[in-house]
């Protein structure tokens, strides 16, 4: 890629391996997310995280068709921290509490940085999610 080309991401799809697809779908639906049926079948489900952000929950055999690397066990090792910017502290708390009620594992406590509030949880497969809220008055626009 040359310096003159600046990539712009129009949509983001996070592909995640899951042990039990129907159980994982039910987990994310219980958090209030919807499933895009057009991009879902018995091998995977498309969780709509936001207007242009999606999590693809893929059965392990299907996930492994995309890579020659060994699939990590997210309950044993961290491969990524998935941060989700949400509209308020209350939404952060609601997501983490819903995750705990649906069988996920919330972090012990939230962290309040004043300008930013965060609290995380692990989903049923051990993938780590970090919903956070940031004060829009704190974020300064970047030039360039």
Protein backbone atom coordinates (compact mmCIF):
# COMPACT_ATOMS: atom_id res chain seq x y z
CA UNK A 1 0.00 0.00 0.00
CA UNK A 2 1.42 3.38 -0.91
CA UNK A 3 1.43 6.41 1.36
CA UNK A 4 -1.09 8.08 -0.97
CA UNK A 5 -3.71 5.41 -0.26
CA UNK A 6 -5.52 5.80 3.05
CA UNK A 7 -7.69 2.81 3.95
CA UNK A 8 -11.21 3.54 5.09
CA UNK A 9 -13.16 0.73 6.74
CA UNK A 10 -16.83 0.83 5.76
CA UNK A 11 -17.90 -2.21 7.84
CA UNK A 12 -16.18 -4.35 10.45
CA UNK A 13 -16.73 -8.09 10.93
CA UNK A 14 -15.06 -9.83 13.88
CA UNK A 15 -14.90 -13.60 13.29
CA UNK A 16 -15.06 -15.63 16.51
CA UNK A 17 -14.95 -19.41 16.93
CA UNK A 18 -17.70 -20.80 19.18
CA UNK A 19 -18.30 -24.25 20.68
CA UNK A 20 -22.11 -24.19 20.59
CA UNK A 21 -23.59 -21.85 17.97
CA UNK A 22 -27.25 -21.89 19.14
CA UNK A 23 -26.17 -21.26 22.75
CA UNK A 24 -23.89 -18.39 21.67
CA UNK A 25 -26.67 -16.85 19.56
CA UNK A 26 -29.03 -16.99 22.55
CA UNK A 27 -26.33 -15.37 24.73
CA UNK A 28 -25.88 -12.38 22.42
CA UNK A 29 -29.63 -12.01 21.87
CA UNK A 30 -30.07 -11.88 25.66
CA UNK A 31 -27.68 -8.90 25.69
CA UNK A 32 -30.05 -7.10 23.33
CA UNK A 33 -28.17 -7.64 20.06
CA UNK A 34 -30.00 -8.82 16.95
CA UNK A 35 -28.97 -11.52 14.47
CA UNK A 36 -28.79 -10.72 10.76
CA UNK A 37 -30.48 -13.82 9.33
CA UNK A 38 -29.26 -13.01 5.80
CA UNK A 39 -25.69 -13.74 6.90
CA UNK A 40 -26.46 -16.65 9.24
CA UNK A 41 -26.81 -20.40 8.79
CA UNK A 42 -25.91 -23.62 10.63
CA UNK A 43 -22.19 -22.74 10.40
CA UNK A 44 -22.32 -19.16 11.62
CA UNK A 45 -24.42 -16.29 12.86
CA UNK A 46 -24.02 -12.57 12.25
CA UNK A 47 -24.49 -10.53 15.44
CA UNK A 48 -25.30 -6.89 14.70
CA UNK A 49 -23.19 -4.86 17.15
CA UNK A 50 -23.88 -1.49 15.54
CA UNK A 51 -24.71 0.18 12.25
CA UNK A 52 -21.52 -1.04 10.57
CA UNK A 53 -20.05 -3.46 13.14
CA UNK A 54 -20.71 -7.19 13.34
CA UNK A 55 -19.48 -10.27 15.18
CA UNK A 56 -19.55 -13.46 13.14
CA UNK A 57 -20.02 -16.40 15.51
CA UNK A 58 -18.59 -19.36 13.62
CA UNK A 59 -18.58 -23.05 14.46
CA UNK A 60 -14.99 -24.16 15.02
CA UNK A 61 -14.84 -26.39 11.90
CA UNK A 62 -16.09 -23.48 9.75
CA UNK A 63 -13.79 -20.96 11.48
CA UNK A 64 -10.83 -23.23 10.72
CA UNK A 65 -11.53 -23.02 6.97
CA UNK A 66 -10.27 -19.41 7.10
CA UNK A 67 -6.83 -20.14 8.55
CA UNK A 68 -4.10 -22.74 8.69
CA UNK A 69 -3.21 -21.72 12.25
CA UNK A 70 -4.43 -23.65 15.27
CA UNK A 71 -7.61 -22.22 16.78
CA UNK A 72 -6.94 -20.74 20.22
CA UNK A 73 -8.98 -21.71 23.25
CA UNK A 74 -10.13 -18.28 24.46
CA UNK A 75 -10.81 -19.71 27.92
CA UNK A 76 -7.08 -20.45 28.27
CA UNK A 77 -5.38 -17.57 26.45
CA UNK A 78 -6.29 -14.04 25.41
CA UNK A 79 -5.99 -13.37 21.69
CA UNK A 80 -7.94 -10.11 21.56
CA UNK A 81 -9.86 -7.65 23.69
CA UNK A 82 -12.97 -6.49 21.86
CA UNK A 83 -13.81 -2.93 22.92
CA UNK A 84 -17.32 -1.60 22.31
CA UNK A 85 -18.00 2.13 22.60
CA UNK A 86 -21.53 2.66 23.94
CA UNK A 87 -23.74 5.69 24.69
CA UNK A 88 -23.62 5.80 28.50
CA UNK A 89 -22.27 4.32 31.72
CA UNK A 90 -25.70 2.76 32.21
CA UNK A 91 -25.39 0.85 28.93
CA UNK A 92 -21.96 -0.44 30.03
CA UNK A 93 -23.46 -1.73 33.28
CA UNK A 94 -26.54 -3.16 31.55
CA UNK A 95 -24.43 -5.11 29.02
CA UNK A 96 -22.12 -6.58 31.66
CA UNK A 97 -24.98 -7.45 34.02
CA UNK A 98 -26.91 -9.09 31.16
CA UNK A 99 -23.79 -11.05 30.18
CA UNK A 100 -23.44 -12.33 33.74
CA UNK A 101 -27.11 -13.31 33.91
CA UNK A 102 -26.76 -15.19 30.59
CA UNK A 103 -23.79 -17.30 31.73
CA UNK A 104 -20.91 -14.99 30.85
CA UNK A 105 -18.25 -13.93 33.35
CA UNK A 106 -18.13 -10.25 34.33
CA UNK A 107 -14.86 -8.70 35.48
CA UNK A 108 -14.85 -8.14 39.23
CA UNK A 109 -15.47 -4.41 38.98
CA UNK A 110 -15.78 -1.47 36.65
CA UNK A 111 -13.12 1.22 36.25
CA UNK A 112 -14.00 4.90 36.26
CA UNK A 113 -11.31 7.16 34.78
CA UNK A 114 -13.54 10.24 35.01
CA UNK A 115 -13.60 10.88 31.26
CA UNK A 116 -14.06 7.16 30.52
CA UNK A 117 -15.93 4.32 32.22
CA UNK A 118 -15.30 0.65 31.42
CA UNK A 119 -16.26 -2.81 32.57
CA UNK A 120 -15.63 -6.08 30.80
CA UNK A 121 -16.93 -9.61 30.55
CA UNK A 122 -16.10 -12.95 28.96
CA UNK A 123 -18.69 -14.56 26.71
CA UNK A 124 -19.53 -18.28 26.85
CA UNK A 125 -16.40 -19.19 24.87
CA UNK A 126 -14.04 -16.96 26.85
CA UNK A 127 -13.80 -14.12 24.31
CA UNK A 128 -13.21 -10.88 26.19
CA UNK A 129 -15.55 -7.94 25.56
CA UNK A 130 -14.99 -4.46 26.96
CA UNK A 131 -17.92 -2.08 26.71
CA UNK A 132 -16.91 1.46 27.58
CA UNK A 133 -18.29 4.98 27.60
CA UNK A 134 -16.15 8.04 26.90
CA UNK A 135 -17.18 11.63 27.57
CA UNK A 136 -17.63 13.15 24.09
CA UNK A 137 -16.41 16.52 25.44
CA UNK A 138 -13.08 14.91 26.32
CA UNK A 139 -12.40 13.56 22.84
CA UNK A 140 -10.69 16.17 20.68
CA UNK A 141 -11.03 16.01 16.89
CA UNK A 142 -7.86 14.91 15.09
CA UNK A 143 -6.61 16.72 12.03
CA UNK A 144 -5.47 14.86 8.95
